[in-house]
Amino acid sequence: MAFIIKPLVTEKMTKITDKSSVDRTYTPKAGKNRGVEVTKKATPKFGFIVKPEANKIEIKKEIESLYNVTVIDVNTIRYAGKRSSRYTRAGLIKGQKNAFKKAIVTLKEGDTIDFYSNIQ
């Protein structure tokens, strides 16, 4: 097991989580459905760095067992390792960053994950 490496706590992922965690009501201003309110349910999304060999079913099972939540959907993104080089006193140093896989998990309405609960 242990496909999850770490949770993503970045500004970009926090913005996605905040945007998806709010109930929204839309009121169209023009057209034949004028005055009709459309509501969108709050389905919070959280991001994780996972091992590249993990699939969506394994990610879903592990998150449900670790955080005691119900996972509705799992979206995965693979990132290639990027080449980098820098000039130093010793000369040109070339290297490559690691490739990784990111999973964005959509939870059931009302469920949430608190990453900061175990910090003392």
PDB file of N, CA and C in Angstrom:
ATOM      1  N   MET A   1       0.838  -1.175   0.000  1.00  0.00           N
ATOM      2  CA  MET A   1       0.000   0.000   0.000  1.00  0.00           C
ATOM      3  C   MET A   1       0.885   1.240   0.000  1.00  0.00           C
ATOM      4  N   ALA A   2       0.522   2.254   0.722  1.00  0.00           N
ATOM      5  CA  ALA A   2       1.282   3.496   0.865  1.00  0.00           C
ATOM      6  C   ALA A   2       1.583   4.132  -0.488  1.00  0.00           C
ATOM      7  N   PHE A   3       0.527   4.439  -1.241  1.00  0.00           N
ATOM      8  CA  PHE A   3       0.688   5.104  -2.522  1.00  0.00           C
ATOM      9  C   PHE A   3       0.737   6.614  -2.369  1.00  0.00           C
ATOM     10  N   ILE A   4       0.224   7.140  -1.274  1.00  0.00           N
ATOM     11  CA  ILE A   4       0.218   8.585  -1.056  1.00  0.00           C
ATOM     12  C   ILE A   4       1.559   8.999  -0.465  1.00  0.00           C
ATOM     13  N   ILE A   5       2.216   9.960  -1.100  1.00  0.00           N
ATOM     14  CA  ILE A   5       3.494  10.451  -0.593  1.00  0.00           C
ATOM     15  C   ILE A   5       3.262  11.595   0.384  1.00  0.00           C
ATOM     16  N   LYS A   6       2.485  12.606  -0.047  1.00  0.00           N
ATOM     17  CA  LYS A   6       2.193  13.738   0.840  1.00  0.00           C
ATOM     18  C   LYS A   6       0.994  14.509   0.296  1.00  0.00           C
ATOM     19  N   PRO A   7       0.289  15.212   1.167  1.00  0.00           N
ATOM     20  CA  PRO A   7      -0.797  16.072   0.685  1.00  0.00           C
ATOM     21  C   PRO A   7      -0.233  17.353   0.075  1.00  0.00           C
ATOM     22  N   LEU A   8      -0.955  17.899  -0.872  1.00  0.00           N
ATOM     23  CA  LEU A   8      -0.554  19.154  -1.506  1.00  0.00           C
ATOM     24  C   LEU A   8      -1.158  20.314  -0.744  1.00  0.00           C
ATOM     25  N   VAL A   9      -0.319  21.110  -0.127  1.00  0.00           N
ATOM     26  CA  VAL A   9      -0.779  22.291   0.588  1.00  0.00           C
ATOM     27  C   VAL A   9      -0.044  23.484  -0.024  1.00  0.00           C
ATOM     28  N   THR A  10      -0.511  23.882  -1.213  1.00  0.00           N
ATOM     29  CA  THR A  10       0.064  25.016  -1.914  1.00  0.00           C
ATOM     30  C   THR A  10      -1.028  26.064  -2.102  1.00  0.00           C
ATOM     31  N   GLU A  11      -0.628  27.252  -2.524  1.00  0.00           N
ATOM     32  CA  GLU A  11      -1.617  28.312  -2.740  1.00  0.00           C
ATOM     33  C   GLU A  11      -2.607  27.928  -3.834  1.00  0.00           C
ATOM     34  N   LYS A  12      -2.116  27.297  -4.892  1.00  0.00           N
ATOM     35  CA  LYS A  12      -2.981  26.914  -6.000  1.00  0.00           C
ATOM     36  C   LYS A  12      -3.995  25.859  -5.573  1.00  0.00           C
ATOM     37  N   MET A  13      -3.549  24.843  -4.838  1.00  0.00           N
ATOM     38  CA  MET A  13      -4.469  23.785  -4.405  1.00  0.00           C
ATOM     39  C   MET A  13      -5.434  24.305  -3.349  1.00  0.00           C
ATOM     40  N   THR A  14      -5.000  25.205  -2.484  1.00  0.00           N
ATOM     41  CA  THR A  14      -5.889  25.804  -1.488  1.00  0.00           C
ATOM     42  C   THR A  14      -6.983  26.616  -2.170  1.00  0.00           C
ATOM     43  N   LYS A  15      -6.633  27.308  -3.258  1.00  0.00           N
ATOM     44  CA  LYS A  15      -7.625  28.069  -4.010  1.00  0.00           C
ATOM     45  C   LYS A  15      -8.658  27.143  -4.648  1.00  0.00           C
ATOM     46  N   ILE A  16      -8.224  26.011  -5.189  1.00  0.00           N
ATOM     47  CA  ILE A  16      -9.150  25.034  -5.771  1.00  0.00           C
ATOM     48  C   ILE A  16     -10.060  24.456  -4.697  1.00  0.00           C
ATOM     49  N   THR A  17      -9.505  24.139  -3.527  1.00  0.00           N
ATOM     50  CA  THR A  17     -10.298  23.592  -2.424  1.00  0.00           C
ATOM     51  C   THR A  17     -11.335  24.602  -1.947  1.00  0.00           C
ATOM     52  N   ASP A  18     -10.926  25.861  -1.768  1.00  0.00           N
ATOM     53  CA  ASP A  18     -11.856  26.888  -1.308  1.00  0.00           C
ATOM     54  C   ASP A  18     -12.961  27.145  -2.333  1.00  0.00           C
ATOM     55  N   LYS A  19     -12.596  27.146  -3.603  1.00  0.00           N
ATOM     56  CA  LYS A  19     -13.567  27.411  -4.653  1.00  0.00           C
ATOM     57  C   LYS A  19     -14.598  26.284  -4.750  1.00  0.00           C
ATOM     58  N   SER A  20     -14.172  25.029  -4.540  1.00  0.00           N
ATOM     59  CA  SER A  20     -15.083  23.893  -4.677  1.00  0.00           C
ATOM     60  C   SER A  20     -15.872  23.618  -3.401  1.00  0.00           C
ATOM     61  N   SER A  21     -15.503  24.216  -2.290  1.00  0.00           N
ATOM     62  CA  SER A  21     -16.145  23.927  -1.010  1.00  0.00           C
ATOM     63  C   SER A  21     -17.309  24.855  -0.685  1.00  0.00           C
ATOM     64  N   VAL A  22     -17.664  25.762  -1.572  1.00  0.00           N
ATOM     65  CA  VAL A  22     -18.697  26.751  -1.291  1.00  0.00           C
ATOM     66  C   VAL A  22     -19.938  26.429  -2.114  1.00  0.00           C
ATOM     67  N   ASP A  23     -21.123  26.449  -1.453  1.00  0.00           N
ATOM     68  CA  ASP A  23     -22.384  26.315  -2.181  1.00  0.00           C
ATOM     69  C   ASP A  23     -22.606  27.594  -2.987  1.00  0.00           C
ATOM     70  N   ARG A  24     -22.979  27.435  -4.249  1.00  0.00           N
ATOM     71  CA  ARG A  24     -23.204  28.600  -5.091  1.00  0.00           C
ATOM     72  C   ARG A  24     -24.621  28.596  -5.630  1.00  0.00           C
ATOM     73  N   THR A  25     -25.173  29.768  -5.812  1.00  0.00           N
ATOM     74  CA  THR A  25     -26.489  29.938  -6.425  1.00  0.00           C
ATOM     75  C   THR A  25     -26.344  30.884  -7.603  1.00  0.00           C
ATOM     76  N   TYR A  26     -26.782  30.441  -8.774  1.00  0.00           N
ATOM     77  CA  TYR A  26     -26.699  31.255  -9.977  1.00  0.00           C
ATOM     78  C   TYR A  26     -28.090  31.727 -10.365  1.00  0.00           C
ATOM     79  N   THR A  27     -28.204  32.968 -10.787  1.00  0.00           N
ATOM     80  CA  THR A  27     -29.464  33.511 -11.265  1.00  0.00           C
ATOM     81  C   THR A  27     -29.234  34.056 -12.674  1.00  0.00           C
ATOM     82  N   PRO A  28     -29.714  33.343 -13.690  1.00  0.00           N
ATOM     83  CA  PRO A  28     -29.548  33.859 -15.060  1.00  0.00           C
ATOM     84  C   PRO A  28     -30.274  35.192 -15.228  1.00  0.00           C
ATOM     85  N   LYS A  29     -29.673  36.131 -15.964  1.00  0.00           N
ATOM     86  CA  LYS A  29     -30.236  37.469 -16.096  1.00  0.00           C
ATOM     87  C   LYS A  29     -31.055  37.632 -17.370  1.00  0.00           C
ATOM     88  N   ALA A  30     -30.779  36.825 -18.372  1.00  0.00           N
ATOM     89  CA  ALA A  30     -31.504  37.002 -19.635  1.00  0.00           C
ATOM     90  C   ALA A  30     -31.943  35.638 -20.156  1.00  0.00           C
ATOM     91  N   GLY A  31     -32.851  35.643 -21.121  1.00  0.00           N
ATOM     92  CA  GLY A  31     -33.301  34.397 -21.725  1.00  0.00           C
ATOM     93  C   GLY A  31     -34.649  33.983 -21.193  1.00  0.00           C
ATOM     94  N   LYS A  32     -35.110  32.831 -21.661  1.00  0.00           N
ATOM     95  CA  LYS A  32     -36.438  32.382 -21.267  1.00  0.00           C
ATOM     96  C   LYS A  32     -36.495  31.816 -19.849  1.00  0.00           C
ATOM     97  N   ASN A  33     -35.358  31.464 -19.248  1.00  0.00           N
ATOM     98  CA  ASN A  33     -35.326  30.960 -17.873  1.00  0.00           C
ATOM     99  C   ASN A  33     -35.046  32.090 -16.882  1.00  0.00           C
ATOM    100  N   ARG A  34     -35.543  33.257 -17.178  1.00  0.00           N
ATOM    101  CA  ARG A  34     -35.248  34.423 -16.352  1.00  0.00           C
ATOM    102  C   ARG A  34     -35.801  34.247 -14.937  1.00  0.00           C
ATOM    103  N   GLY A  35     -34.953  34.492 -13.942  1.00  0.00           N
ATOM    104  CA  GLY A  35     -35.388  34.403 -12.558  1.00  0.00           C
ATOM    105  C   GLY A  35     -35.269  33.015 -11.963  1.00  0.00           C
ATOM    106  N   VAL A  36     -34.804  32.021 -12.719  1.00  0.00           N
ATOM    107  CA  VAL A  36     -34.657  30.663 -12.203  1.00  0.00           C
ATOM    108  C   VAL A  36     -33.323  30.566 -11.473  1.00  0.00           C
ATOM    109  N   GLU A  37     -33.329  29.996 -10.286  1.00  0.00           N
ATOM    110  CA  GLU A  37     -32.106  29.841  -9.522  1.00  0.00           C
ATOM    111  C   GLU A  37     -31.564  28.434  -9.708  1.00  0.00           C
ATOM    112  N   VAL A  38     -30.289  28.356  -9.995  1.00  0.00           N
ATOM    113  CA  VAL A  38     -29.604  27.086 -10.165  1.00  0.00           C
ATOM    114  C   VAL A  38     -28.602  26.962  -9.034  1.00  0.00           C
ATOM    115  N   THR A  39     -28.671  25.888  -8.257  1.00  0.00           N
ATOM    116  CA  THR A  39     -27.736  25.724  -7.147  1.00  0.00           C
ATOM    117  C   THR A  39     -26.711  24.663  -7.492  1.00  0.00           C
ATOM    118  N   LYS A  40     -25.516  24.872  -7.020  1.00  0.00           N
ATOM    119  CA  LYS A  40     -24.431  23.920  -7.211  1.00  0.00           C
ATOM    120  C   LYS A  40     -24.003  23.432  -5.836  1.00  0.00           C
ATOM    121  N   LYS A  41     -23.943  22.119  -5.657  1.00  0.00           N
ATOM    122  CA  LYS A  41     -23.576  21.537  -4.368  1.00  0.00           C
ATOM    123  C   LYS A  41     -22.088  21.725  -4.100  1.00  0.00           C
ATOM    124  N   ALA A  42     -21.747  21.776  -2.823  1.00  0.00           N
ATOM    125  CA  ALA A  42     -20.351  21.917  -2.425  1.00  0.00           C
ATOM    126  C   ALA A  42     -19.702  20.544  -2.372  1.00  0.00           C
ATOM    127  N   THR A  43     -18.788  20.289  -3.283  1.00  0.00           N
ATOM    128  CA  THR A  43     -18.021  19.043  -3.282  1.00  0.00           C
ATOM    129  C   THR A  43     -16.548  19.414  -3.160  1.00  0.00           C
ATOM    130  N   PRO A  44     -16.003  19.351  -1.961  1.00  0.00           N
ATOM    131  CA  PRO A  44     -14.622  19.797  -1.758  1.00  0.00           C
ATOM    132  C   PRO A  44     -13.610  18.915  -2.481  1.00  0.00           C
ATOM    133  N   LYS A  45     -12.521  19.545  -2.935  1.00  0.00           N
ATOM    134  CA  LYS A  45     -11.444  18.855  -3.645  1.00  0.00           C
ATOM    135  C   LYS A  45     -10.141  19.046  -2.880  1.00  0.00           C
ATOM    136  N   PHE A  46      -9.354  17.988  -2.803  1.00  0.00           N
ATOM    137  CA  PHE A  46      -8.067  18.020  -2.129  1.00  0.00           C
ATOM    138  C   PHE A  46      -7.019  17.378  -3.020  1.00  0.00           C
ATOM    139  N   GLY A  47      -5.786  17.848  -2.931  1.00  0.00           N
ATOM    140  CA  GLY A  47      -4.713  17.348  -3.784  1.00  0.00           C
ATOM    141  C   GLY A  47      -3.683  16.563  -2.999  1.00  0.00           C
ATOM    142  N   PHE A  48      -3.100  15.557  -3.655  1.00  0.00           N
ATOM    143  CA  PHE A  48      -2.069  14.711  -3.058  1.00  0.00           C
ATOM    144  C   PHE A  48      -0.998  14.407  -4.098  1.00  0.00           C
ATOM    145  N   ILE A  49       0.258  14.284  -3.641  1.00  0.00           N
ATOM    146  CA  ILE A  49       1.327  13.743  -4.471  1.00  0.00           C
ATOM    147  C   ILE A  49       1.323  12.242  -4.216  1.00  0.00           C
ATOM    148  N   VAL A  50       1.232  11.456  -5.285  1.00  0.00           N
ATOM    149  CA  VAL A  50       1.166  10.000  -5.155  1.00  0.00           C
ATOM    150  C   VAL A  50       2.283   9.372  -5.974  1.00  0.00           C
ATOM    151  N   LYS A  51       2.521   8.085  -5.755  1.00  0.00           N
ATOM    152  CA  LYS A  51       3.530   7.373  -6.523  1.00  0.00           C
ATOM    153  C   LYS A  51       3.062   7.216  -7.965  1.00  0.00           C
ATOM    154  N   PRO A  52       3.984   7.286  -8.931  1.00  0.00           N
ATOM    155  CA  PRO A  52       3.586   7.216 -10.342  1.00  0.00           C
ATOM    156  C   PRO A  52       2.911   5.906 -10.741  1.00  0.00           C
ATOM    157  N   GLU A  53       3.160   4.824 -10.035  1.00  0.00           N
ATOM    158  CA  GLU A  53       2.551   3.541 -10.397  1.00  0.00           C
ATOM    159  C   GLU A  53       1.160   3.341  -9.790  1.00  0.00           C
ATOM    160  N   ALA A  54       0.702   4.276  -8.965  1.00  0.00           N
ATOM    161  CA  ALA A  54      -0.615   4.149  -8.325  1.00  0.00           C
ATOM    162  C   ALA A  54      -1.719   4.435  -9.332  1.00  0.00           C
ATOM    163  N   ASN A  55      -2.817   3.656  -9.245  1.00  0.00           N
ATOM    164  CA  ASN A  55      -3.962   3.942 -10.105  1.00  0.00           C
ATOM    165  C   ASN A  55      -5.076   4.573  -9.273  1.00  0.00           C
ATOM    166  N   LYS A  56      -6.159   4.977  -9.943  1.00  0.00           N
ATOM    167  CA  LYS A  56      -7.217   5.734  -9.276  1.00  0.00           C
ATOM    168  C   LYS A  56      -7.927   4.914  -8.202  1.00  0.00           C
ATOM    169  N   ILE A  57      -8.118   3.628  -8.433  1.00  0.00           N
ATOM    170  CA  ILE A  57      -8.811   2.775  -7.460  1.00  0.00           C
ATOM    171  C   ILE A  57      -7.986   2.633  -6.185  1.00  0.00           C
ATOM    172  N   GLU A  58      -6.680   2.442  -6.327  1.00  0.00           N
ATOM    173  CA  GLU A  58      -5.800   2.313  -5.162  1.00  0.00           C
ATOM    174  C   GLU A  58      -5.730   3.625  -4.380  1.00  0.00           C
ATOM    175  N   ILE A  59      -5.689   4.750  -5.092  1.00  0.00           N
ATOM    176  CA  ILE A  59      -5.662   6.058  -4.434  1.00  0.00           C
ATOM    177  C   ILE A  59      -6.950   6.273  -3.645  1.00  0.00           C
ATOM    178  N   LYS A  60      -8.086   5.942  -4.249  1.00  0.00           N
ATOM    179  CA  LYS A  60      -9.385   6.106  -3.597  1.00  0.00           C
ATOM    180  C   LYS A  60      -9.466   5.276  -2.324  1.00  0.00           C
ATOM    181  N   LYS A  61      -9.068   4.008  -2.377  1.00  0.00           N
ATOM    182  CA  LYS A  61      -9.124   3.133  -1.202  1.00  0.00           C
ATOM    183  C   LYS A  61      -8.243   3.650  -0.073  1.00  0.00           C
ATOM    184  N   GLU A  62      -7.037   4.107  -0.426  1.00  0.00           N
ATOM    185  CA  GLU A  62      -6.112   4.568   0.609  1.00  0.00           C
ATOM    186  C   GLU A  62      -6.590   5.853   1.274  1.00  0.00           C
ATOM    187  N   ILE A  63      -7.126   6.789   0.518  1.00  0.00           N
ATOM    188  CA  ILE A  63      -7.613   8.039   1.103  1.00  0.00           C
ATOM    189  C   ILE A  63      -8.829   7.777   1.977  1.00  0.00           C
ATOM    190  N   GLU A  64      -9.721   6.901   1.537  1.00  0.00           N
ATOM    191  CA  GLU A  64     -10.890   6.573   2.360  1.00  0.00           C
ATOM    192  C   GLU A  64     -10.490   5.904   3.665  1.00  0.00           C
ATOM    193  N   SER A  65      -9.450   5.060   3.648  1.00  0.00           N
ATOM    194  CA  SER A  65      -9.031   4.395   4.883  1.00  0.00           C
ATOM    195  C   SER A  65      -8.236   5.318   5.802  1.00  0.00           C
ATOM    196  N   LEU A  66      -7.429   6.217   5.244  1.00  0.00           N
ATOM    197  CA  LEU A  66      -6.609   7.110   6.069  1.00  0.00           C
ATOM    198  C   LEU A  66      -7.420   8.218   6.728  1.00  0.00           C
ATOM    199  N   TYR A  67      -8.334   8.844   5.968  1.00  0.00           N
ATOM    200  CA  TYR A  67      -9.010  10.045   6.439  1.00  0.00           C
ATOM    201  C   TYR A  67     -10.482   9.835   6.797  1.00  0.00           C
ATOM    202  N   ASN A  68     -11.006   8.616   6.649  1.00  0.00           N
ATOM    203  CA  ASN A  68     -12.399   8.285   6.969  1.00  0.00           C
ATOM    204  C   ASN A  68     -13.389   9.217   6.265  1.00  0.00           C
ATOM    205  N   VAL A  69     -13.236   9.338   4.946  1.00  0.00           N
ATOM    206  CA  VAL A  69     -14.125  10.150   4.113  1.00  0.00           C
ATOM    207  C   VAL A  69     -14.620   9.296   2.951  1.00  0.00           C
ATOM    208  N   THR A  70     -15.617   9.797   2.246  1.00  0.00           N
ATOM    209  CA  THR A  70     -16.130   9.112   1.064  1.00  0.00           C
ATOM    210  C   THR A  70     -15.643   9.851  -0.177  1.00  0.00           C
ATOM    211  N   VAL A  71     -14.913   9.140  -1.033  1.00  0.00           N
ATOM    212  CA  VAL A  71     -14.348   9.727  -2.243  1.00  0.00           C
ATOM    213  C   VAL A  71     -15.306   9.491  -3.399  1.00  0.00           C
ATOM    214  N   ILE A  72     -15.670  10.579  -4.101  1.00  0.00           N
ATOM    215  CA  ILE A  72     -16.562  10.481  -5.252  1.00  0.00           C
ATOM    216  C   ILE A  72     -15.759  10.297  -6.534  1.00  0.00           C
ATOM    217  N   ASP A  73     -14.697  11.077  -6.690  1.00  0.00           N
ATOM    218  CA  ASP A  73     -13.962  11.088  -7.946  1.00  0.00           C
ATOM    219  C   ASP A  73     -12.480  11.301  -7.689  1.00  0.00           C
ATOM    220  N   VAL A  74     -11.646  10.710  -8.557  1.00  0.00           N
ATOM    221  CA  VAL A  74     -10.196  10.897  -8.483  1.00  0.00           C
ATOM    222  C   VAL A  74      -9.700  11.289  -9.866  1.00  0.00           C
ATOM    223  N   ASN A  75      -9.034  12.428  -9.964  1.00  0.00           N
ATOM    224  CA  ASN A  75      -8.397  12.859 -11.206  1.00  0.00           C
ATOM    225  C   ASN A  75      -6.891  12.825 -10.999  1.00  0.00           C
ATOM    226  N   THR A  76      -6.155  12.275 -11.966  1.00  0.00           N
ATOM    227  CA  THR A  76      -4.704  12.176 -11.834  1.00  0.00           C
ATOM    228  C   THR A  76      -4.019  12.925 -12.958  1.00  0.00           C
ATOM    229  N   ILE A  77      -2.842  13.469 -12.644  1.00  0.00           N
ATOM    230  CA  ILE A  77      -2.027  14.203 -13.595  1.00  0.00           C
ATOM    231  C   ILE A  77      -0.592  13.726 -13.429  1.00  0.00           C
ATOM    232  N   ARG A  78       0.042  13.369 -14.536  1.00  0.00           N
ATOM    233  CA  ARG A  78       1.447  12.954 -14.503  1.00  0.00           C
ATOM    234  C   ARG A  78       2.321  14.113 -14.943  1.00  0.00           C
ATOM    235  N   TYR A  79       3.386  14.353 -14.180  1.00  0.00           N
ATOM    236  CA  TYR A  79       4.340  15.409 -14.514  1.00  0.00           C
ATOM    237  C   TYR A  79       5.682  14.773 -14.844  1.00  0.00           C
ATOM    238  N   ALA A  80       6.283  15.183 -15.946  1.00  0.00           N
ATOM    239  CA  ALA A  80       7.590  14.673 -16.343  1.00  0.00           C
ATOM    240  C   ALA A  80       8.673  15.413 -15.569  1.00  0.00           C
ATOM    241  N   GLY A  81       9.795  14.761 -15.358  1.00  0.00           N
ATOM    242  CA  GLY A  81      10.931  15.401 -14.709  1.00  0.00           C
ATOM    243  C   GLY A  81      11.573  16.404 -15.650  1.00  0.00           C
ATOM    244  N   LYS A  82      11.840  17.586 -15.161  1.00  0.00           N
ATOM    245  CA  LYS A  82      12.386  18.634 -16.013  1.00  0.00           C
ATOM    246  C   LYS A  82      13.906  18.703 -15.869  1.00  0.00           C
ATOM    247  N   ARG A  83      14.567  18.947 -16.980  1.00  0.00           N
ATOM    248  CA  ARG A  83      16.028  19.098 -16.968  1.00  0.00           C
ATOM    249  C   ARG A  83      16.390  20.483 -16.453  1.00  0.00           C
ATOM    250  N   SER A  84      17.465  20.526 -15.695  1.00  0.00           N
ATOM    251  CA  SER A  84      17.924  21.817 -15.192  1.00  0.00           C
ATOM    252  C   SER A  84      19.444  21.854 -15.226  1.00  0.00           C
ATOM    253  N   SER A  85      19.979  23.052 -15.379  1.00  0.00           N
ATOM    254  CA  SER A  85      21.424  23.220 -15.352  1.00  0.00           C
ATOM    255  C   SER A  85      21.731  24.549 -14.673  1.00  0.00           C
ATOM    256  N   ARG A  86      22.889  24.583 -14.046  1.00  0.00           N
ATOM    257  CA  ARG A  86      23.304  25.821 -13.399  1.00  0.00           C
ATOM    258  C   ARG A  86      24.824  25.961 -13.492  1.00  0.00           C
ATOM    259  N   TYR A  87      25.242  27.212 -13.489  1.00  0.00           N
ATOM    260  CA  TYR A  87      26.662  27.514 -13.576  1.00  0.00           C
ATOM    261  C   TYR A  87      27.189  27.759 -12.170  1.00  0.00           C
ATOM    262  N   THR A  88      28.279  27.088 -11.835  1.00  0.00           N
ATOM    263  CA  THR A  88      28.914  27.255 -10.534  1.00  0.00           C
ATOM    264  C   THR A  88      30.406  27.519 -10.756  1.00  0.00           C
ATOM    265  N   ARG A  89      31.112  27.686  -9.654  1.00  0.00           N
ATOM    266  CA  ARG A  89      32.555  27.867  -9.763  1.00  0.00           C
ATOM    267  C   ARG A  89      33.231  26.635 -10.346  1.00  0.00           C
ATOM    268  N   ALA A  90      32.639  25.451 -10.049  1.00  0.00           N
ATOM    269  CA  ALA A  90      33.217  24.205 -10.546  1.00  0.00           C
ATOM    270  C   ALA A  90      32.883  23.958 -12.007  1.00  0.00           C
ATOM    271  N   GLY A  91      31.983  24.754 -12.570  1.00  0.00           N
ATOM    272  CA  GLY A  91      31.606  24.569 -13.967  1.00  0.00           C
ATOM    273  C   GLY A  91      30.114  24.361 -14.114  1.00  0.00           C
ATOM    274  N   LEU A  92      29.711  23.825 -15.222  1.00  0.00           N
ATOM    275  CA  LEU A  92      28.303  23.600 -15.520  1.00  0.00           C
ATOM    276  C   LEU A  92      27.841  22.296 -14.875  1.00  0.00           C
ATOM    277  N   ILE A  93      26.770  22.379 -14.087  1.00  0.00           N
ATOM    278  CA  ILE A  93      26.209  21.190 -13.444  1.00  0.00           C
ATOM    279  C   ILE A  93      24.835  20.945 -14.051  1.00  0.00           C
ATOM    280  N   LYS A  94      24.655  19.740 -14.588  1.00  0.00           N
ATOM    281  CA  LYS A  94      23.380  19.377 -15.198  1.00  0.00           C
ATOM    282  C   LYS A  94      22.700  18.327 -14.338  1.00  0.00           C
ATOM    283  N   GLY A  95      21.373  18.391 -14.310  1.00  0.00           N
ATOM    284  CA  GLY A  95      20.616  17.414 -13.530  1.00  0.00           C
ATOM    285  C   GLY A  95      19.187  17.344 -14.025  1.00  0.00           C
ATOM    286  N   GLN A  96      18.391  16.568 -13.303  1.00  0.00           N
ATOM    287  CA  GLN A  96      16.990  16.424 -13.672  1.00  0.00           C
ATOM    288  C   GLN A  96      16.154  16.311 -12.407  1.00  0.00           C
ATOM    289  N   LYS A  97      15.003  16.998 -12.385  1.00  0.00           N
ATOM    290  CA  LYS A  97      14.076  16.895 -11.269  1.00  0.00           C
ATOM    291  C   LYS A  97      13.267  15.619 -11.418  1.00  0.00           C
ATOM    292  N   ASN A  98      12.737  15.114 -10.309  1.00  0.00           N
ATOM    293  CA  ASN A  98      11.999  13.866 -10.333  1.00  0.00           C
ATOM    294  C   ASN A  98      10.646  14.015 -11.012  1.00  0.00           C
ATOM    295  N   ALA A  99      10.230  12.959 -11.684  1.00  0.00           N
ATOM    296  CA  ALA A  99       8.876  12.896 -12.216  1.00  0.00           C
ATOM    297  C   ALA A  99       7.946  12.523 -11.073  1.00  0.00           C
ATOM    298  N   PHE A 100       6.698  13.025 -11.107  1.00  0.00           N
ATOM    299  CA  PHE A 100       5.754  12.692 -10.045  1.00  0.00           C
ATOM    300  C   PHE A 100       4.344  12.671 -10.598  1.00  0.00           C
ATOM    301  N   LYS A 101       3.416  12.207  -9.767  1.00  0.00           N
ATOM    302  CA  LYS A 101       2.013  12.124 -10.150  1.00  0.00           C
ATOM    303  C   LYS A 101       1.194  12.838  -9.092  1.00  0.00           C
ATOM    304  N   LYS A 102       0.233  13.649  -9.549  1.00  0.00           N
ATOM    305  CA  LYS A 102      -0.626  14.396  -8.636  1.00  0.00           C
ATOM    306  C   LYS A 102      -2.043  13.865  -8.771  1.00  0.00           C
ATOM    307  N   ALA A 103      -2.726  13.696  -7.635  1.00  0.00           N
ATOM    308  CA  ALA A 103      -4.111  13.244  -7.635  1.00  0.00           C
ATOM    309  C   ALA A 103      -4.975  14.311  -6.983  1.00  0.00           C
ATOM    310  N   ILE A 104      -6.059  14.697  -7.667  1.00  0.00           N
ATOM    311  CA  ILE A 104      -7.038  15.624  -7.102  1.00  0.00           C
ATOM    312  C   ILE A 104      -8.281  14.816  -6.787  1.00  0.00           C
ATOM    313  N   VAL A 105      -8.637  14.785  -5.508  1.00  0.00           N
ATOM    314  CA  VAL A 105      -9.702  13.927  -5.011  1.00  0.00           C
ATOM    315  C   VAL A 105     -10.924  14.769  -4.687  1.00  0.00           C
ATOM    316  N   THR A 106     -12.089  14.368  -5.204  1.00  0.00           N
ATOM    317  CA  THR A 106     -13.358  15.030  -4.905  1.00  0.00           C
ATOM    318  C   THR A 106     -14.083  14.223  -3.847  1.00  0.00           C
ATOM    319  N   LEU A 107     -14.455  14.869  -2.749  1.00  0.00           N
ATOM    320  CA  LEU A 107     -15.115  14.192  -1.638  1.00  0.00           C
ATOM    321  C   LEU A 107     -16.622  14.397  -1.692  1.00  0.00           C
ATOM    322  N   LYS A 108     -17.325  13.566  -0.914  1.00  0.00           N
ATOM    323  CA  LYS A 108     -18.772  13.696  -0.803  1.00  0.00           C
ATOM    324  C   LYS A 108     -19.112  15.009  -0.103  1.00  0.00           C
ATOM    325  N   GLU A 109     -20.267  15.551  -0.420  1.00  0.00           N
ATOM    326  CA  GLU A 109     -20.698  16.809   0.181  1.00  0.00           C
ATOM    327  C   GLU A 109     -20.753  16.664   1.703  1.00  0.00           C
ATOM    328  N   GLY A 110     -20.129  17.579   2.400  1.00  0.00           N
ATOM    329  CA  GLY A 110     -20.112  17.551   3.858  1.00  0.00           C
ATOM    330  C   GLY A 110     -18.828  16.971   4.435  1.00  0.00           C
ATOM    331  N   ASP A 111     -18.104  16.153   3.673  1.00  0.00           N
ATOM    332  CA  ASP A 111     -16.833  15.592   4.147  1.00  0.00           C
ATOM    333  C   ASP A 111     -15.725  16.610   3.951  1.00  0.00           C
ATOM    334  N   THR A 112     -14.729  16.546   4.814  1.00  0.00           N
ATOM    335  CA  THR A 112     -13.566  17.420   4.693  1.00  0.00           C
ATOM    336  C   THR A 112     -12.356  16.730   5.307  1.00  0.00           C
ATOM    337  N   ILE A 113     -11.174  17.173   4.911  1.00  0.00           N
ATOM    338  CA  ILE A 113      -9.919  16.650   5.440  1.00  0.00           C
ATOM    339  C   ILE A 113      -9.186  17.806   6.096  1.00  0.00           C
ATOM    340  N   ASP A 114      -8.765  17.622   7.346  1.00  0.00           N
ATOM    341  CA  ASP A 114      -8.011  18.647   8.062  1.00  0.00           C
ATOM    342  C   ASP A 114      -6.565  18.189   8.158  1.00  0.00           C
ATOM    343  N   PHE A 115      -5.696  18.787   7.351  1.00  0.00           N
ATOM    344  CA  PHE A 115      -4.286  18.398   7.335  1.00  0.00           C
ATOM    345  C   PHE A 115      -3.538  18.888   8.568  1.00  0.00           C
ATOM    346  N   TYR A 116      -4.066  19.880   9.262  1.00  0.00           N
ATOM    347  CA  TYR A 116      -3.357  20.505  10.376  1.00  0.00           C
ATOM    348  C   TYR A 116      -3.791  19.976  11.736  1.00  0.00           C
ATOM    349  N   SER A 117      -4.614  18.938  11.791  1.00  0.00           N
ATOM    350  CA  SER A 117      -5.131  18.455  13.071  1.00  0.00           C
ATOM    351  C   SER A 117      -4.084  17.739  13.910  1.00  0.00           C
ATOM    352  N   ASN A 118      -3.048  17.157  13.276  1.00  0.00           N
ATOM    353  CA  ASN A 118      -2.047  16.387  14.006  1.00  0.00           C
ATOM    354  C   ASN A 118      -0.832  17.216  14.413  1.00  0.00           C
ATOM    355  N   ILE A 119      -0.816  18.499  14.087  1.00  0.00           N
ATOM    356  CA  ILE A 119       0.326  19.346  14.427  1.00  0.00           C
ATOM    357  C   ILE A 119       0.207  19.783  15.884  1.00  0.00           C
ATOM    358  N   GLN A 120       1.326  19.678  16.582  1.00  0.00           N
ATOM    359  CA  GLN A 120       1.321  20.064  18.004  1.00  0.00           C
ATOM    360  C   GLN A 120       2.193  21.241  18.280  1.00  0.00           C
TER     361      GLN A 120
END
